[in-house]
Protein backbone atom coordinates (compact mmCIF):
# COMPACT_ATOMS: atom_id res chain seq x y z
CA MET A 1 -0.17 0.08 0.00
CA SER A 2 1.49 3.46 -0.91
CA GLN A 3 0.62 6.68 -2.72
CA LYS A 4 0.12 6.68 -6.39
CA SER A 5 -0.14 9.15 -9.22
CA ARG A 6 -3.27 9.89 -10.87
CA SER A 7 -2.24 8.15 -14.04
CA VAL A 8 -1.40 5.07 -11.92
CA LEU A 9 -4.66 5.08 -10.32
CA LYS A 10 -6.61 5.45 -13.50
CA GLU A 11 -5.17 2.18 -14.83
CA TYR A 12 -6.59 0.36 -12.00
CA PHE A 13 -10.27 1.34 -13.18
CA GLU A 14 -9.77 0.80 -16.81
CA ALA A 15 -12.60 -1.04 -18.64
CA GLY A 16 -12.99 -4.71 -17.76
CA LYS A 17 -10.42 -4.39 -14.68
CA ILE A 18 -11.35 -5.02 -11.25
CA PRO A 19 -9.22 -3.21 -8.64
CA THR A 20 -7.58 -5.44 -6.13
CA GLU A 21 -7.64 -4.90 -2.48
CA ASP A 22 -4.13 -3.39 -2.42
CA GLN A 23 -5.18 -0.96 -5.44
CA CYS A 24 -8.02 0.29 -3.33
CA SER A 25 -5.72 0.90 -0.33
CA ASP A 26 -3.52 2.82 -2.82
CA LEU A 27 -6.27 5.04 -3.81
CA ILE A 28 -7.44 5.56 -0.27
CA ASP A 29 -3.83 6.52 0.63
CA SER A 30 -3.35 8.80 -2.35
CA SER A 31 -6.35 10.71 -1.43
CA LEU A 32 -6.86 13.59 1.22
CA ASN A 33 -8.76 12.80 4.18
CA LYS A 34 -10.24 15.89 6.11
CA LEU A 35 -9.95 14.18 9.53
CA ASP A 36 -6.67 12.52 9.12
CA ASP A 37 -5.01 15.03 7.07
CA GLN A 38 -6.80 18.09 8.42
CA VAL A 39 -7.03 19.68 4.93
CA TYR A 40 -10.55 21.37 4.08
CA VAL A 41 -11.98 22.88 1.22
CA LYS A 42 -14.73 25.29 1.62
CA THR A 43 -16.86 26.72 -1.20
CA VAL A 44 -18.05 30.49 -0.64
CA GLY A 45 -20.69 31.64 -3.16
CA SER A 46 -22.34 29.98 -5.92
CA GLY A 47 -22.35 29.75 -9.66
CA LYS A 48 -19.52 31.57 -11.64
CA GLY A 49 -18.77 33.76 -8.46
CA ALA A 50 -17.98 30.62 -6.24
CA LYS A 51 -14.61 30.61 -4.76
CA LYS A 52 -12.68 27.96 -3.13
CA ARG A 53 -10.90 28.31 0.41
CA LEU A 54 -8.25 25.79 1.54
CA GLY A 55 -7.88 25.13 5.31
CA VAL A 56 -4.70 23.38 6.60
CA GLY A 57 -5.56 22.60 10.18
CA GLU A 58 -8.51 24.80 10.05
CA ALA A 59 -11.81 23.32 9.12
CA ASN A 60 -13.59 26.60 8.50
CA PRO A 61 -11.15 28.64 6.53
CA ASP A 62 -11.97 32.39 6.02
CA ALA A 63 -9.25 33.21 3.32
CA ARG A 64 -8.03 31.71 0.25
CA LEU A 65 -5.24 29.87 2.52
CA HIS A 66 -5.89 29.47 6.11
CA VAL A 67 -3.04 27.78 7.98
CA SER A 68 -3.42 26.75 11.60
CA GLY A 69 -0.33 25.98 13.29
CA ASP A 70 3.49 26.27 12.02
CA LEU A 71 4.65 26.81 8.42
CA LYS A 72 7.97 25.34 7.30
CA LEU A 73 9.50 26.99 4.43
CA GLU A 74 11.77 25.28 1.93
CA ASN A 75 14.87 26.65 3.32
CA GLY A 76 13.96 25.13 6.68
CA VAL A 77 12.69 28.11 8.44
CA THR A 78 9.67 27.59 10.55
CA VAL A 79 7.02 30.33 10.50
CA ASN A 80 4.52 30.33 13.33
CA GLU A 81 2.77 33.77 12.87
CA ILE A 82 2.08 36.07 10.10
CA ALA A 83 2.17 39.50 11.89
CA ASP A 84 0.65 42.81 11.05
CA GLU A 85 2.99 44.39 13.69
CA VAL A 86 6.54 43.89 14.57
CA THR A 87 8.07 45.20 17.71
CA ASP A 88 11.40 44.76 19.60
CA GLU A 89 9.45 43.11 22.45
CA ALA A 90 7.72 40.42 20.17
CA GLU A 91 8.41 36.97 21.55
CA ASN A 92 8.14 35.33 18.11
CA ASP A 93 9.75 37.92 16.00
CA GLY A 94 12.21 35.24 15.01
CA GLN A 95 9.72 33.05 13.61
CA ALA A 96 6.91 35.55 12.55
CA LEU A 97 6.56 36.42 8.91
CA ALA A 98 5.89 40.20 8.54
CA THR A 99 3.14 41.53 6.14
CA VAL A 100 3.76 44.27 3.89
CA LYS A 101 1.80 46.48 6.14
CA ALA A 102 4.17 45.61 9.03
CA LEU A 103 7.20 46.04 6.96
CA ARG A 104 6.04 49.51 5.91
CA GLU A 105 5.32 50.64 9.28
CA LEU A 106 8.62 49.28 10.63
CA ILE A 107 10.63 50.99 7.99
CA SER A 108 8.68 54.21 8.36
CA GLU A 109 9.11 54.23 12.08
CA HIS A 110 12.91 53.78 11.94
CA LEU A 111 13.59 56.16 9.03
CA VAL A 112 11.50 59.06 10.21
CA GLY A 113 14.03 62.01 10.30
CA SER A 114 16.58 60.36 8.09
CA ILE A 115 17.92 62.48 5.18
CA MET A 116 18.95 60.95 1.80
CA PRO A 117 20.12 62.51 -1.43
CA PHE A 118 18.11 61.84 -4.57
CA ALA A 119 19.24 61.81 -8.19
CA ARG A 120 15.94 63.31 -9.50
CA GLU A 121 14.06 66.50 -9.09
CA LEU A 122 10.70 64.60 -8.08
CA VAL A 123 10.36 64.02 -4.29
CA PRO A 124 9.48 60.50 -3.65
CA PRO A 125 6.20 59.53 -1.67
CA GLY A 126 6.77 59.79 2.12
CA TRP A 127 9.71 62.22 1.71
CA VAL A 128 9.90 66.02 1.59
CA GLU A 129 12.53 68.16 0.24
CA CYS A 130 15.10 69.77 2.64
CA ASP A 131 14.13 73.48 1.59
CA GLY A 132 13.69 75.18 4.97
CA ARG A 133 9.87 75.63 4.54
CA THR A 134 7.79 76.26 7.59
CA ILE A 135 5.52 73.23 8.68
CA ASP A 136 2.38 73.61 10.77
CA THR A 137 1.34 70.35 11.98
CA ASN A 138 -1.85 71.81 13.46
CA LEU A 139 -3.19 72.34 10.03
CA GLU A 140 -5.01 69.50 8.12
CA LYS A 141 -2.50 69.59 5.31
CA ASP A 142 0.47 69.36 7.46
CA LYS A 143 -0.78 66.62 10.01
CA LYS A 144 1.28 63.96 8.12
CA PHE A 145 4.45 65.69 9.35
CA ARG A 146 3.62 65.18 13.11
CA ARG A 147 5.95 62.41 13.78
CA LEU A 148 8.75 64.23 11.84
CA TYR A 149 7.94 67.16 14.19
CA GLU A 150 8.20 65.05 17.24
CA MET A 151 11.52 63.40 15.95
CA ILE A 152 13.60 66.52 14.99
CA SER A 153 11.74 69.53 16.53
CA GLU A 154 14.20 69.65 19.39
CA ASN A 155 17.10 70.49 17.08
CA PHE A 156 15.05 72.46 14.32
CA LYS A 157 12.67 74.31 16.72
CA ASN A 158 11.64 77.83 16.65
CA GLU A 159 9.49 80.26 18.18
CA LEU A 160 6.32 80.01 16.21
CA GLY A 161 4.48 77.86 18.61
CA ASP A 162 3.69 74.14 19.38
CA GLY A 163 3.58 72.03 16.41
CA ILE A 164 5.29 74.41 14.20
CA PHE A 165 8.85 73.98 12.95
CA LYS A 166 10.97 74.65 9.86
CA LEU A 167 12.36 71.83 7.64
CA PRO A 168 16.36 71.57 7.51
CA ASP A 169 17.42 73.75 4.56
CA LEU A 170 20.27 71.99 2.71
CA ARG A 171 20.03 73.70 -0.55
CA GLY A 172 23.35 74.46 -1.73
CA LEU A 173 25.02 72.93 1.35
CA PHE A 174 27.49 70.19 2.23
CA VAL A 175 26.58 67.94 5.17
CA ARG A 176 29.33 67.53 7.82
CA GLY A 177 29.26 64.44 10.27
CA TRP A 178 28.67 65.37 13.75
CA ASP A 179 30.84 64.01 16.52
CA GLY A 180 29.21 64.53 19.94
CA SER A 181 31.61 62.14 21.78
CA LYS A 182 33.43 63.28 24.98
CA ALA A 183 36.69 62.56 23.32
CA MET A 184 35.95 65.38 20.75
CA GLU A 185 34.92 67.82 23.51
CA LYS A 186 38.04 67.03 25.33
CA GLU A 187 40.19 67.63 22.11
CA ILE A 188 38.68 70.96 21.63
CA GLU A 189 39.27 72.12 25.24
CA SER A 190 42.73 70.89 25.11
CA GLY A 191 43.76 73.04 22.18
CA ASN A 192 45.71 70.12 20.39
CA LYS A 193 45.24 71.46 16.97
CA ASP A 194 47.67 68.88 15.41
CA LEU A 195 45.66 65.89 16.79
CA LYS A 196 42.24 67.63 16.03
CA SER A 197 43.46 67.97 12.39
CA HIS A 198 44.50 64.34 12.22
CA LEU A 199 41.15 63.11 13.79
CA GLY A 200 39.19 65.25 11.32
CA ILE A 201 37.44 66.92 14.48
CA ASP A 202 35.98 70.19 13.93
CA GLY A 203 38.12 72.56 15.98
CA ASP A 204 35.56 75.38 15.76
CA ALA A 205 32.57 73.10 16.81
CA ASN A 206 31.87 75.32 19.93
CA GLU A 207 31.32 78.31 17.64
CA ARG A 208 28.66 76.74 15.63
CA LYS A 209 25.35 78.75 15.18
CA SER A 210 21.71 77.99 15.19
CA TRP A 211 20.77 77.03 11.79
CA ASN A 212 17.99 79.76 11.53
CA LYS A 213 18.65 82.37 14.00
CA GLY A 214 22.49 82.81 13.85
CA LYS A 215 22.91 82.57 17.51
CA LYS A 216 25.85 80.65 18.99
CA VAL A 217 24.60 77.08 20.04
CA GLY A 218 27.92 75.10 20.01
CA ASN A 219 28.23 71.58 18.94
CA LYS A 220 24.79 70.36 18.21
CA ILE A 221 22.91 68.47 15.52
CA GLY A 222 21.43 70.79 12.90
CA SER A 223 23.79 73.69 13.73
CA TYR A 224 25.19 75.70 11.04
CA GLN A 225 28.58 76.85 10.18
CA ASP A 226 29.60 79.44 7.67
CA ASP A 227 32.26 78.97 5.00
CA ALA A 228 35.86 79.72 6.08
CA PHE A 229 39.45 79.38 4.78
CA GLN A 230 41.95 77.59 7.10
CA GLY A 231 44.35 80.06 9.13
CA HIS A 232 47.74 80.23 7.38
CA LYS A 233 50.74 82.39 6.65
CA HIS A 234 52.86 83.38 3.61
CA SER A 235 56.58 83.52 3.86
CA GLY A 236 58.29 86.43 2.32
CA PHE A 237 61.63 87.36 1.09
CA HIS A 238 64.04 90.23 0.55
CA ARG A 239 65.63 91.00 -2.89
CA THR A 240 69.13 90.84 -2.98
CA ASP A 241 69.47 91.67 -6.65
CA GLY A 242 67.73 93.71 -9.39
CA PRO A 243 66.43 97.36 -9.16
CA TYR A 244 64.54 96.44 -5.83
CA ALA A 245 67.42 95.06 -3.98
CA ALA A 246 67.73 96.18 -0.33
CA ARG A 247 70.14 99.03 -0.08
CA GLY A 248 71.02 101.92 2.25
CA GLY A 249 69.61 100.08 5.02
CA SER A 250 66.00 100.09 3.57
CA ARG A 251 63.77 97.14 3.94
CA TYR A 252 61.97 96.08 0.84
CA ASN A 253 59.34 93.34 0.65
CA ILE A 254 58.72 90.96 -2.03
CA PHE A 255 56.83 93.51 -4.23
CA GLY A 256 59.78 95.77 -4.28
CA TYR A 257 58.30 98.54 -1.91
CA PRO A 258 59.00 99.53 1.50
CA HIS A 259 56.73 97.81 4.24
CA HIS A 260 53.67 97.44 2.10
CA LEU A 261 52.17 97.27 -1.37
CA PRO A 262 50.81 100.87 -2.49
CA ASP A 263 47.08 101.11 -3.02
CA ASN A 264 47.32 101.52 -6.79
CA HIS A 265 49.26 98.18 -7.25
CA GLN A 266 47.83 94.54 -7.50
CA THR A 267 49.16 90.99 -7.65
CA SER A 268 48.93 89.34 -10.95
CA ASP A 269 46.30 86.36 -11.67
CA PRO A 270 47.28 83.04 -10.27
CA VAL A 271 49.56 80.88 -12.53
CA SER A 272 50.42 77.34 -12.69
CA ASP A 273 52.96 75.90 -10.46
CA GLY A 274 53.72 73.06 -13.07
CA ARG A 275 51.42 70.79 -11.66
CA SER A 276 47.84 72.08 -12.46
CA HIS A 277 46.35 75.27 -13.57
CA PRO A 278 44.44 77.11 -10.64
CA ARG A 279 40.69 77.56 -10.90
CA THR A 280 39.07 80.55 -9.34
CA ALA A 281 35.42 81.14 -8.55
CA ALA A 282 32.96 82.95 -6.47
CA GLU A 283 33.45 80.44 -3.43
CA THR A 284 36.13 78.08 -2.24
CA ARG A 285 34.64 74.52 -2.66
CA PRO A 286 35.70 70.88 -3.21
CA ARG A 287 34.63 69.02 -6.40
CA ASN A 288 30.76 68.22 -6.11
CA ILE A 289 27.70 66.83 -7.82
CA ALA A 290 24.25 68.25 -7.21
CA LEU A 291 21.58 66.10 -5.60
CA MET A 292 18.40 66.85 -3.90
CA TYR A 293 18.26 66.34 -0.12
CA CYS A 294 14.93 64.90 1.23
CA ILE A 295 13.79 64.03 4.77
CA LYS A 296 11.52 61.11 5.60
CA PHE A 297 8.35 61.99 7.43
């Protein structure tokens, strides 16, 4: 007695044949039994609109497939729950299969307040451009931003009232990684400029300003810092030959004039040092590419 395919079972019942006892047992073993196998088929509706529902371990299935008990996948993973909610405290998270709804909520929960650059001008659903606009979550149209307000308002707050805040404005700005560690604070206080430079620590962190008010707030998330050029010095020299050579005890600088460059004189345009041609512009900047920064709400 064993399970047989349909084609084999059909041969048992061909014209003129009488199935044997063993063949009848094969037929029984090859068929599903509601009580023994706990597989149930339920028909809902009638006529062309009738639909079948399959229950595994469930005699009254209320879905196309209704499974009562654990489900073992092909890779050996056992699933004992299909969850609409995933939490850190859930006891069976390791064996729960999350629904699309649960995954969307989980992703949304953890990504709210995160900022990403996008290589397109169209803002994706669930995101808003970091353009500094005012958001009033008390208004119906802005209620969708309430969770974002709760997440970032401490660092991007203003004096407009409860539930009102401004989005970060990253248009035309570079983002700098924040280091709020105690080690960084000690380095700033110690004045160890060489070590600060080596670690990439912002030596002017305590001078950072409020992103929208210009007030000094120190080293905080969301604080703003103006452009600057690193402090430096130029070495000079005295001419020892030519028409501007030092003579008669006078001191001549590199321009050939005593003490300073006259107002009606100027330096030449920058020239190549043999390695590359200097580029000048309205600002000091690194190489860059323009992308649109958006924040998740």
